[in-house]
Amino acid sequence: MNDATIWITIFALGVGTFLIRFSFLGILAGKELPDWLIRHLRYVPVAVLPGLVAPLVAWPAATGGALDPARAFAALTALIIGAWFRSVIGAVFGGMAALYLAQLVLA
C-alpha cells in the first residue's frame, strides 16, 4: 500500500466513526428520551461486558486458546466480589489479585 491509500483509509474510518458517534450524541443531545428506552439502555453494559470478557477467559491468547485455570479462577473471583459487594472497582482489583496469585501458585 502506498501512503495515499493509507491516509485515505484513515480519513474514511475517522469520518465513519465520527458519523456513528454523532448520530447518537449530536442528534439526540438535549432531547428527552422515552422512559421505556432509558429503562432498556440500563441493561446495555450488563449485556456487553460478558461478551467482551468471556472470550478472554475461555480462549485466552496468552495460552494459545486453551482454557487456563488461573484465568477461570480470577474471573470467578471477580464475579463473586462484584455480586457480593456490588463494586466494579472491587471486582476488577480482586480479579486482578486472584489472577496474579493463581499464576504464582500454579506456575
N, C-alpha and C. Protein backbone atom coordinates (compact mmCIF):
# COMPACT_ATOMS: atom_id res chain seq x y z
N MET A 1 0.85 -1.19 0.00
CA MET A 1 0.00 0.00 0.00
C MET A 1 0.88 1.24 0.00
N ASN A 2 0.44 2.21 -0.73
CA ASN A 2 1.21 3.45 -0.73
C ASN A 2 0.66 4.39 0.35
N ASP A 3 1.36 5.49 0.56
CA ASP A 3 0.99 6.42 1.63
C ASP A 3 -0.38 7.04 1.42
N ALA A 4 -0.73 7.36 0.19
CA ALA A 4 -2.02 7.98 -0.08
C ALA A 4 -3.17 7.05 0.28
N THR A 5 -3.05 5.78 -0.04
CA THR A 5 -4.10 4.81 0.29
C THR A 5 -4.27 4.69 1.79
N ILE A 6 -3.18 4.66 2.51
CA ILE A 6 -3.24 4.55 3.97
C ILE A 6 -3.93 5.77 4.56
N TRP A 7 -3.57 6.97 4.10
CA TRP A 7 -4.17 8.18 4.65
C TRP A 7 -5.63 8.31 4.27
N ILE A 8 -6.00 7.89 3.07
CA ILE A 8 -7.42 7.92 2.68
C ILE A 8 -8.22 6.96 3.55
N THR A 9 -7.65 5.79 3.82
CA THR A 9 -8.33 4.81 4.68
C THR A 9 -8.50 5.35 6.09
N ILE A 10 -7.45 5.94 6.63
CA ILE A 10 -7.52 6.53 7.98
C ILE A 10 -8.57 7.63 8.03
N PHE A 11 -8.59 8.49 7.03
CA PHE A 11 -9.57 9.58 6.98
C PHE A 11 -10.99 9.04 6.88
N ALA A 12 -11.20 8.05 6.01
CA ALA A 12 -12.55 7.48 5.84
C ALA A 12 -13.03 6.81 7.13
N LEU A 13 -12.14 6.09 7.81
CA LEU A 13 -12.52 5.46 9.07
C LEU A 13 -12.82 6.51 10.14
N GLY A 14 -12.06 7.59 10.15
CA GLY A 14 -12.31 8.67 11.10
C GLY A 14 -13.67 9.33 10.86
N VAL A 15 -14.00 9.60 9.59
CA VAL A 15 -15.29 10.20 9.26
C VAL A 15 -16.42 9.24 9.63
N GLY A 16 -16.25 7.95 9.31
CA GLY A 16 -17.27 6.96 9.65
C GLY A 16 -17.50 6.87 11.15
N THR A 17 -16.41 6.85 11.92
CA THR A 17 -16.54 6.79 13.37
C THR A 17 -17.22 8.05 13.91
N PHE A 18 -16.85 9.21 13.35
CA PHE A 18 -17.49 10.45 13.79
C PHE A 18 -18.98 10.42 13.51
N LEU A 19 -19.38 9.97 12.34
CA LEU A 19 -20.80 9.95 12.00
C LEU A 19 -21.59 8.99 12.88
N ILE A 20 -20.99 7.84 13.21
CA ILE A 20 -21.68 6.90 14.09
C ILE A 20 -21.89 7.52 15.46
N ARG A 21 -20.86 8.16 15.99
CA ARG A 21 -20.98 8.77 17.32
C ARG A 21 -21.89 9.99 17.29
N PHE A 22 -21.81 10.77 16.23
CA PHE A 22 -22.64 11.97 16.12
C PHE A 22 -24.12 11.62 16.03
N SER A 23 -24.42 10.46 15.41
CA SER A 23 -25.82 10.08 15.28
C SER A 23 -26.47 9.92 16.65
N PHE A 24 -25.71 9.52 17.66
CA PHE A 24 -26.27 9.40 19.00
C PHE A 24 -26.08 10.66 19.82
N LEU A 25 -24.88 11.20 19.81
CA LEU A 25 -24.56 12.32 20.68
C LEU A 25 -25.04 13.66 20.14
N GLY A 26 -24.87 13.88 18.86
CA GLY A 26 -25.21 15.18 18.28
C GLY A 26 -26.68 15.34 17.99
N ILE A 27 -27.28 14.32 17.43
CA ILE A 27 -28.69 14.43 17.04
C ILE A 27 -29.60 14.32 18.26
N LEU A 28 -29.27 13.43 19.20
CA LEU A 28 -30.12 13.23 20.37
C LEU A 28 -29.80 14.15 21.53
N ALA A 29 -28.77 14.97 21.41
CA ALA A 29 -28.38 15.86 22.52
C ALA A 29 -29.50 16.84 22.84
N GLY A 30 -29.84 16.92 24.10
CA GLY A 30 -30.84 17.88 24.54
C GLY A 30 -32.27 17.41 24.33
N LYS A 31 -32.47 16.23 23.78
CA LYS A 31 -33.82 15.73 23.57
C LYS A 31 -34.18 14.77 24.70
N GLU A 32 -35.41 14.75 25.06
CA GLU A 32 -35.90 13.86 26.10
C GLU A 32 -36.18 12.49 25.49
N LEU A 33 -35.56 11.48 26.07
CA LEU A 33 -35.77 10.12 25.60
C LEU A 33 -36.96 9.50 26.33
N PRO A 34 -37.68 8.61 25.65
CA PRO A 34 -38.81 7.97 26.33
C PRO A 34 -38.34 7.10 27.49
N ASP A 35 -39.21 6.96 28.47
CA ASP A 35 -38.87 6.18 29.66
C ASP A 35 -38.55 4.73 29.34
N TRP A 36 -39.27 4.14 28.38
CA TRP A 36 -39.02 2.74 28.04
C TRP A 36 -37.63 2.56 27.46
N LEU A 37 -37.15 3.55 26.69
CA LEU A 37 -35.81 3.45 26.11
C LEU A 37 -34.74 3.61 27.18
N ILE A 38 -34.93 4.53 28.09
CA ILE A 38 -33.96 4.71 29.18
C ILE A 38 -33.90 3.45 30.05
N ARG A 39 -35.05 2.85 30.30
CA ARG A 39 -35.09 1.61 31.09
C ARG A 39 -34.32 0.49 30.38
N HIS A 40 -34.46 0.39 29.06
CA HIS A 40 -33.75 -0.64 28.30
C HIS A 40 -32.26 -0.34 28.18
N LEU A 41 -31.88 0.91 28.11
CA LEU A 41 -30.46 1.27 27.99
C LEU A 41 -29.67 0.94 29.25
N ARG A 42 -30.35 0.80 30.38
CA ARG A 42 -29.66 0.42 31.62
C ARG A 42 -29.06 -0.98 31.52
N TYR A 43 -29.58 -1.81 30.65
CA TYR A 43 -29.11 -3.20 30.54
C TYR A 43 -28.00 -3.37 29.51
N VAL A 44 -27.63 -2.34 28.80
CA VAL A 44 -26.59 -2.45 27.77
C VAL A 44 -25.24 -2.86 28.37
N PRO A 45 -24.73 -2.22 29.43
CA PRO A 45 -23.43 -2.67 29.97
C PRO A 45 -23.46 -4.10 30.46
N VAL A 46 -24.57 -4.51 31.06
CA VAL A 46 -24.68 -5.87 31.58
C VAL A 46 -24.68 -6.88 30.43
N ALA A 47 -25.19 -6.49 29.29
CA ALA A 47 -25.22 -7.39 28.13
C ALA A 47 -23.90 -7.40 27.37
N VAL A 48 -23.21 -6.27 27.32
CA VAL A 48 -22.00 -6.16 26.52
C VAL A 48 -20.77 -6.70 27.26
N LEU A 49 -20.64 -6.41 28.54
CA LEU A 49 -19.44 -6.78 29.28
C LEU A 49 -19.16 -8.28 29.27
N PRO A 50 -20.14 -9.15 29.52
CA PRO A 50 -19.83 -10.58 29.44
C PRO A 50 -19.38 -11.02 28.04
N GLY A 51 -19.91 -10.38 27.03
CA GLY A 51 -19.49 -10.69 25.67
C GLY A 51 -18.05 -10.29 25.39
N LEU A 52 -17.57 -9.28 26.08
CA LEU A 52 -16.18 -8.87 25.92
C LEU A 52 -15.24 -9.71 26.77
N VAL A 53 -15.69 -10.10 27.96
CA VAL A 53 -14.82 -10.79 28.91
C VAL A 53 -14.76 -12.29 28.67
N ALA A 54 -15.88 -12.91 28.32
CA ALA A 54 -15.95 -14.37 28.20
C ALA A 54 -14.92 -14.96 27.24
N PRO A 55 -14.71 -14.40 26.05
CA PRO A 55 -13.67 -14.97 25.17
C PRO A 55 -12.27 -14.85 25.75
N LEU A 56 -12.02 -13.79 26.52
CA LEU A 56 -10.70 -13.61 27.13
C LEU A 56 -10.45 -14.62 28.24
N VAL A 57 -11.52 -15.13 28.85
CA VAL A 57 -11.38 -16.13 29.90
C VAL A 57 -11.37 -17.53 29.30
N ALA A 58 -12.27 -17.80 28.36
CA ALA A 58 -12.41 -19.15 27.80
C ALA A 58 -11.30 -19.49 26.80
N TRP A 59 -10.92 -18.54 25.97
CA TRP A 59 -9.90 -18.78 24.94
C TRP A 59 -8.83 -17.70 24.97
N PRO A 60 -8.05 -17.60 26.04
CA PRO A 60 -7.07 -16.51 26.14
C PRO A 60 -5.93 -16.68 25.13
N ALA A 61 -5.54 -15.59 24.53
CA ALA A 61 -4.44 -15.61 23.56
C ALA A 61 -3.12 -15.98 24.23
N ALA A 62 -2.98 -15.65 25.51
CA ALA A 62 -1.72 -15.93 26.22
C ALA A 62 -1.44 -17.42 26.33
N THR A 63 -2.48 -18.26 26.26
CA THR A 63 -2.28 -19.71 26.37
C THR A 63 -2.54 -20.42 25.05
N GLY A 64 -2.61 -19.68 23.98
CA GLY A 64 -2.86 -20.28 22.67
C GLY A 64 -4.29 -20.74 22.50
N GLY A 65 -5.20 -20.21 23.24
CA GLY A 65 -6.62 -20.54 23.12
C GLY A 65 -7.08 -21.65 24.05
N ALA A 66 -6.20 -22.18 24.87
CA ALA A 66 -6.58 -23.24 25.81
C ALA A 66 -7.10 -22.62 27.10
N LEU A 67 -8.08 -23.28 27.70
CA LEU A 67 -8.62 -22.79 28.97
C LEU A 67 -7.53 -22.81 30.03
N ASP A 68 -7.40 -21.71 30.73
CA ASP A 68 -6.36 -21.56 31.75
C ASP A 68 -7.03 -21.52 33.12
N PRO A 69 -6.66 -22.42 34.03
CA PRO A 69 -7.28 -22.42 35.36
C PRO A 69 -7.09 -21.11 36.12
N ALA A 70 -5.96 -20.46 35.94
CA ALA A 70 -5.72 -19.19 36.65
C ALA A 70 -6.70 -18.12 36.21
N ARG A 71 -6.95 -18.02 34.92
CA ARG A 71 -7.89 -17.01 34.41
C ARG A 71 -9.33 -17.35 34.79
N ALA A 72 -9.67 -18.62 34.78
CA ALA A 72 -11.01 -19.03 35.20
C ALA A 72 -11.23 -18.72 36.68
N PHE A 73 -10.21 -18.98 37.50
CA PHE A 73 -10.30 -18.66 38.93
C PHE A 73 -10.44 -17.16 39.14
N ALA A 74 -9.67 -16.36 38.39
CA ALA A 74 -9.74 -14.91 38.53
C ALA A 74 -11.10 -14.38 38.10
N ALA A 75 -11.66 -14.93 37.03
CA ALA A 75 -12.97 -14.49 36.57
C ALA A 75 -14.05 -14.84 37.59
N LEU A 76 -13.97 -16.03 38.15
CA LEU A 76 -14.93 -16.44 39.17
C LEU A 76 -14.80 -15.58 40.42
N THR A 77 -13.58 -15.28 40.81
CA THR A 77 -13.35 -14.41 41.96
C THR A 77 -13.93 -13.01 41.72
N ALA A 78 -13.67 -12.46 40.54
CA ALA A 78 -14.20 -11.13 40.22
C ALA A 78 -15.72 -11.15 40.19
N LEU A 79 -16.31 -12.21 39.68
CA LEU A 79 -17.76 -12.33 39.65
C LEU A 79 -18.34 -12.37 41.06
N ILE A 80 -17.73 -13.15 41.93
CA ILE A 80 -18.22 -13.25 43.30
C ILE A 80 -18.07 -11.92 44.05
N ILE A 81 -16.92 -11.29 43.91
CA ILE A 81 -16.71 -10.00 44.58
C ILE A 81 -17.69 -8.96 44.06
N GLY A 82 -17.86 -8.92 42.74
CA GLY A 82 -18.78 -7.94 42.16
C GLY A 82 -20.21 -8.17 42.59
N ALA A 83 -20.63 -9.43 42.66
CA ALA A 83 -22.01 -9.72 43.07
C ALA A 83 -22.21 -9.50 44.57
N TRP A 84 -21.22 -9.88 45.36
CA TRP A 84 -21.37 -9.79 46.81
C TRP A 84 -21.32 -8.34 47.30
N PHE A 85 -20.29 -7.60 46.85
CA PHE A 85 -20.10 -6.24 47.33
C PHE A 85 -20.70 -5.17 46.42
N ARG A 86 -21.15 -5.57 45.25
CA ARG A 86 -21.71 -4.62 44.26
C ARG A 86 -20.73 -3.49 43.97
N SER A 87 -19.48 -3.87 43.73
CA SER A 87 -18.43 -2.90 43.48
C SER A 87 -17.65 -3.31 42.23
N VAL A 88 -17.70 -2.48 41.21
CA VAL A 88 -16.96 -2.77 39.99
C VAL A 88 -15.46 -2.68 40.24
N ILE A 89 -15.05 -1.64 40.95
CA ILE A 89 -13.62 -1.46 41.24
C ILE A 89 -13.11 -2.61 42.09
N GLY A 90 -13.89 -3.02 43.08
CA GLY A 90 -13.51 -4.16 43.90
C GLY A 90 -13.38 -5.44 43.08
N ALA A 91 -14.30 -5.64 42.14
CA ALA A 91 -14.24 -6.82 41.28
C ALA A 91 -13.01 -6.79 40.39
N VAL A 92 -12.69 -5.63 39.85
CA VAL A 92 -11.51 -5.51 38.98
C VAL A 92 -10.24 -5.81 39.76
N PHE A 93 -10.08 -5.15 40.90
CA PHE A 93 -8.86 -5.37 41.68
C PHE A 93 -8.81 -6.76 42.31
N GLY A 94 -9.95 -7.27 42.74
CA GLY A 94 -9.99 -8.62 43.28
C GLY A 94 -9.66 -9.68 42.24
N GLY A 95 -10.21 -9.51 41.04
CA GLY A 95 -9.90 -10.43 39.95
C GLY A 95 -8.45 -10.35 39.53
N MET A 96 -7.91 -9.13 39.53
CA MET A 96 -6.51 -8.95 39.17
C MET A 96 -5.60 -9.61 40.21
N ALA A 97 -5.90 -9.41 41.47
CA ALA A 97 -5.11 -10.04 42.52
C ALA A 97 -5.23 -11.55 42.47
N ALA A 98 -6.43 -12.05 42.21
CA ALA A 98 -6.63 -13.51 42.11
C ALA A 98 -5.87 -14.08 40.92
N LEU A 99 -5.81 -13.35 39.81
CA LEU A 99 -5.07 -13.83 38.64
C LEU A 99 -3.58 -13.93 38.94
N TYR A 100 -3.03 -12.89 39.52
CA TYR A 100 -1.60 -12.91 39.83
C TYR A 100 -1.27 -13.96 40.88
N LEU A 101 -2.12 -14.10 41.88
CA LEU A 101 -1.92 -15.11 42.91
C LEU A 101 -2.01 -16.52 42.32
N ALA A 102 -3.00 -16.77 41.48
CA ALA A 102 -3.17 -18.09 40.87
C ALA A 102 -2.01 -18.40 39.93
N GLN A 103 -1.54 -17.41 39.18
CA GLN A 103 -0.38 -17.64 38.30
C GLN A 103 0.86 -17.94 39.11
N LEU A 104 1.00 -17.29 40.24
CA LEU A 104 2.15 -17.53 41.11
C LEU A 104 2.10 -18.94 41.72
N VAL A 105 0.93 -19.35 42.16
CA VAL A 105 0.78 -20.66 42.80
C VAL A 105 0.84 -21.79 41.78
N LEU A 106 0.20 -21.62 40.62
CA LEU A 106 0.12 -22.68 39.63
C LEU A 106 1.36 -22.79 38.76
N ALA A 107 2.21 -21.79 38.76
CA ALA A 107 3.39 -21.82 37.88
C ALA A 107 4.50 -22.68 38.41
